[in-house]
Amino acid sequence: MTDFKRISPAEAQTLRQTGAVVADVRDPQSFASAHITGSTHLDNHSLADFIRSADLDAPLIVTCYHGHSSQSAAAYLVNQGFAEVYSLDGGFELWRSLYPDDVEHGE
């Protein structure tokens, strides 16, 4: 894959079930409040460690609020060597409405 692909929540759910990693690029407070179950928060502080320790060949789904910011983050991650990168259309907000049982809530 030379670029990322935009995918629906249903496609993302299927990929998650086969081991895809979900990276959430929303602000830390939003991530702490609620996020896709099992997702990893990515920001400027955690990005280098994430890239260093990641399996670059594993599918990677990038999510944000509504599916816009995740596209630029996905493009960046492709350029960092990830082979299979997806941007979640509709972002976390659409995911939360479709899969409320697959959302972890913080404090």
C-alpha atoms as a PDB file:
ATOM      1  CA  MET A   1       0.000   0.000   0.000  1.00  0.00           C
ATOM      2  CA  THR A   2       1.530   3.318  -1.026  1.00  0.00           C
ATOM      3  CA  ASP A   3      -1.163   5.461   0.537  1.00  0.00           C
ATOM      4  CA  PHE A   4      -3.806   5.114   3.196  1.00  0.00           C
ATOM      5  CA  LYS A   5      -7.375   4.026   2.508  1.00  0.00           C
ATOM      6  CA  ARG A   6     -10.539   5.489   4.008  1.00  0.00           C
ATOM      7  CA  ILE A   7     -12.768   2.811   5.532  1.00  0.00           C
ATOM      8  CA  SER A   8     -16.177   2.604   7.141  1.00  0.00           C
ATOM      9  CA  PRO A   9     -16.684   1.665  10.791  1.00  0.00           C
ATOM     10  CA  ALA A  10     -17.949  -1.761   9.663  1.00  0.00           C
ATOM     11  CA  GLU A  11     -14.735  -2.389   7.702  1.00  0.00           C
ATOM     12  CA  ALA A  12     -12.698  -1.154  10.678  1.00  0.00           C
ATOM     13  CA  GLN A  13     -14.582  -3.499  13.010  1.00  0.00           C
ATOM     14  CA  THR A  14     -13.691  -6.436  10.739  1.00  0.00           C
ATOM     15  CA  LEU A  15     -10.040  -5.391  10.661  1.00  0.00           C
ATOM     16  CA  ARG A  16      -9.987  -5.028  14.469  1.00  0.00           C
ATOM     17  CA  GLN A  17     -11.243  -8.587  14.794  1.00  0.00           C
ATOM     18  CA  THR A  18      -8.245  -9.762  12.755  1.00  0.00           C
ATOM     19  CA  GLY A  19      -5.708  -7.873  14.873  1.00  0.00           C
ATOM     20  CA  ALA A  20      -5.542  -4.350  13.438  1.00  0.00           C
ATOM     21  CA  VAL A  21      -4.173  -1.666  15.739  1.00  0.00           C
ATOM     22  CA  VAL A  22      -6.337   1.423  16.337  1.00  0.00           C
ATOM     23  CA  ALA A  23      -4.543   4.739  16.873  1.00  0.00           C
ATOM     24  CA  ASP A  24      -6.583   7.681  18.175  1.00  0.00           C
ATOM     25  CA  VAL A  25      -5.219  11.167  17.373  1.00  0.00           C
ATOM     26  CA  ARG A  26      -7.791  13.204  19.323  1.00  0.00           C
ATOM     27  CA  ASP A  27      -6.676  15.401  22.215  1.00  0.00           C
ATOM     28  CA  PRO A  28      -5.666  13.630  25.452  1.00  0.00           C
ATOM     29  CA  GLN A  29      -8.756  14.718  27.402  1.00  0.00           C
ATOM     30  CA  SER A  30     -11.152  13.372  24.763  1.00  0.00           C
ATOM     31  CA  PHE A  31      -9.253  10.096  24.546  1.00  0.00           C
ATOM     32  CA  ALA A  32      -9.244   9.767  28.353  1.00  0.00           C
ATOM     33  CA  SER A  33     -12.988  10.412  28.441  1.00  0.00           C
ATOM     34  CA  ALA A  34     -13.890   7.743  25.850  1.00  0.00           C
ATOM     35  CA  HIS A  35     -12.200   5.833  23.042  1.00  0.00           C
ATOM     36  CA  ILE A  36     -12.493   2.732  20.893  1.00  0.00           C
ATOM     37  CA  THR A  37     -11.797  -0.293  23.068  1.00  0.00           C
ATOM     38  CA  GLY A  38      -8.137  -1.243  22.892  1.00  0.00           C
ATOM     39  CA  SER A  39      -7.038   1.824  20.961  1.00  0.00           C
ATOM     40  CA  THR A  40      -3.770   3.641  21.537  1.00  0.00           C
ATOM     41  CA  HIS A  41      -3.585   7.400  21.972  1.00  0.00           C
ATOM     42  CA  LEU A  42      -1.127   9.092  19.606  1.00  0.00           C
ATOM     43  CA  ASP A  43       0.141  12.622  20.060  1.00  0.00           C
ATOM     44  CA  ASN A  44       3.432  14.451  19.604  1.00  0.00           C
ATOM     45  CA  HIS A  45       4.748  12.940  22.847  1.00  0.00           C
ATOM     46  CA  SER A  46       3.931   9.290  22.106  1.00  0.00           C
ATOM     47  CA  LEU A  47       4.387   9.175  18.328  1.00  0.00           C
ATOM     48  CA  ALA A  48       8.118   8.380  18.176  1.00  0.00           C
ATOM     49  CA  ASP A  49       7.817   5.501  20.678  1.00  0.00           C
ATOM     50  CA  PHE A  50       4.748   4.174  18.892  1.00  0.00           C
ATOM     51  CA  ILE A  51       6.542   4.121  15.528  1.00  0.00           C
ATOM     52  CA  ARG A  52       9.700   2.603  17.040  1.00  0.00           C
ATOM     53  CA  SER A  53       7.836  -0.283  18.685  1.00  0.00           C
ATOM     54  CA  ALA A  54       5.123  -0.899  16.066  1.00  0.00           C
ATOM     55  CA  ASP A  55       4.844  -3.765  13.628  1.00  0.00           C
ATOM     56  CA  LEU A  56       4.987  -1.749  10.392  1.00  0.00           C
ATOM     57  CA  ASP A  57       3.286  -4.577   8.481  1.00  0.00           C
ATOM     58  CA  ALA A  58       0.259  -4.863  10.808  1.00  0.00           C
ATOM     59  CA  PRO A  59      -2.942  -3.089   9.711  1.00  0.00           C
ATOM     60  CA  LEU A  60      -3.276   0.303  11.393  1.00  0.00           C
ATOM     61  CA  ILE A  61      -6.564   2.220  11.712  1.00  0.00           C
ATOM     62  CA  VAL A  62      -6.287   5.930  12.530  1.00  0.00           C
ATOM     63  CA  THR A  63      -9.254   7.708  14.082  1.00  0.00           C
ATOM     64  CA  CYS A  64     -10.045  11.259  15.198  1.00  0.00           C
ATOM     65  CA  TYR A  65     -13.316  13.068  15.968  1.00  0.00           C
ATOM     66  CA  HIS A  66     -15.075  12.959  12.587  1.00  0.00           C
ATOM     67  CA  GLY A  67     -12.596  11.409  10.133  1.00  0.00           C
ATOM     68  CA  HIS A  68     -10.782  14.518   8.872  1.00  0.00           C
ATOM     69  CA  SER A  69      -7.623  14.893  10.991  1.00  0.00           C
ATOM     70  CA  SER A  70      -7.059  11.154  10.831  1.00  0.00           C
ATOM     71  CA  GLN A  71      -6.428  11.432   7.092  1.00  0.00           C
ATOM     72  CA  SER A  72      -3.342  13.623   7.472  1.00  0.00           C
ATOM     73  CA  ALA A  73      -2.139  11.450  10.367  1.00  0.00           C
ATOM     74  CA  ALA A  74      -2.649   8.325   8.240  1.00  0.00           C
ATOM     75  CA  ALA A  75      -0.674   9.869   5.369  1.00  0.00           C
ATOM     76  CA  TYR A  76       2.143  10.722   7.789  1.00  0.00           C
ATOM     77  CA  LEU A  77       2.230   7.153   9.126  1.00  0.00           C
ATOM     78  CA  VAL A  78       2.409   5.744   5.589  1.00  0.00           C
ATOM     79  CA  ASN A  79       5.437   7.984   5.050  1.00  0.00           C
ATOM     80  CA  GLN A  80       6.957   6.570   8.253  1.00  0.00           C
ATOM     81  CA  GLY A  81       6.919   3.068   6.769  1.00  0.00           C
ATOM     82  CA  PHE A  82       3.583   1.575   7.812  1.00  0.00           C
ATOM     83  CA  ALA A  83       2.437  -0.754   5.044  1.00  0.00           C
ATOM     84  CA  GLU A  84      -1.327  -0.902   5.638  1.00  0.00           C
ATOM     85  CA  VAL A  85      -2.902   2.287   7.008  1.00  0.00           C
ATOM     86  CA  TYR A  86      -6.590   3.207   7.154  1.00  0.00           C
ATOM     87  CA  SER A  87      -8.452   6.364   8.144  1.00  0.00           C
ATOM     88  CA  LEU A  88     -11.785   5.763   9.885  1.00  0.00           C
ATOM     89  CA  ASP A  89     -14.586   7.594   8.053  1.00  0.00           C
ATOM     90  CA  GLY A  90     -16.877   9.354  10.498  1.00  0.00           C
ATOM     91  CA  GLY A  91     -14.241   9.082  13.220  1.00  0.00           C
ATOM     92  CA  PHE A  92     -14.901   8.269  16.833  1.00  0.00           C
ATOM     93  CA  GLU A  93     -18.252  10.058  16.867  1.00  0.00           C
ATOM     94  CA  LEU A  94     -19.730   7.747  14.219  1.00  0.00           C
ATOM     95  CA  TRP A  95     -18.054   4.715  15.833  1.00  0.00           C
ATOM     96  CA  ARG A  96     -19.586   5.570  19.209  1.00  0.00           C
ATOM     97  CA  SER A  97     -23.073   5.747  17.697  1.00  0.00           C
ATOM     98  CA  LEU A  98     -22.706   2.424  15.835  1.00  0.00           C
ATOM     99  CA  TYR A  99     -20.693   0.388  18.364  1.00  0.00           C
ATOM    100  CA  PRO A 100     -21.414   1.741  21.856  1.00  0.00           C
ATOM    101  CA  ASP A 101     -20.347  -1.589  23.382  1.00  0.00           C
ATOM    102  CA  ASP A 102     -16.892  -1.153  21.833  1.00  0.00           C
ATOM    103  CA  VAL A 103     -16.143   2.108  23.621  1.00  0.00           C
ATOM    104  CA  GLU A 104     -14.061   2.376  26.800  1.00  0.00           C
ATOM    105  CA  HIS A 105     -15.098   5.211  29.105  1.00  0.00           C
ATOM    106  CA  GLY A 106     -12.711   6.991  31.423  1.00  0.00           C
ATOM    107  CA  GLU A 107     -13.535   9.240  34.322  1.00  0.00           C
END
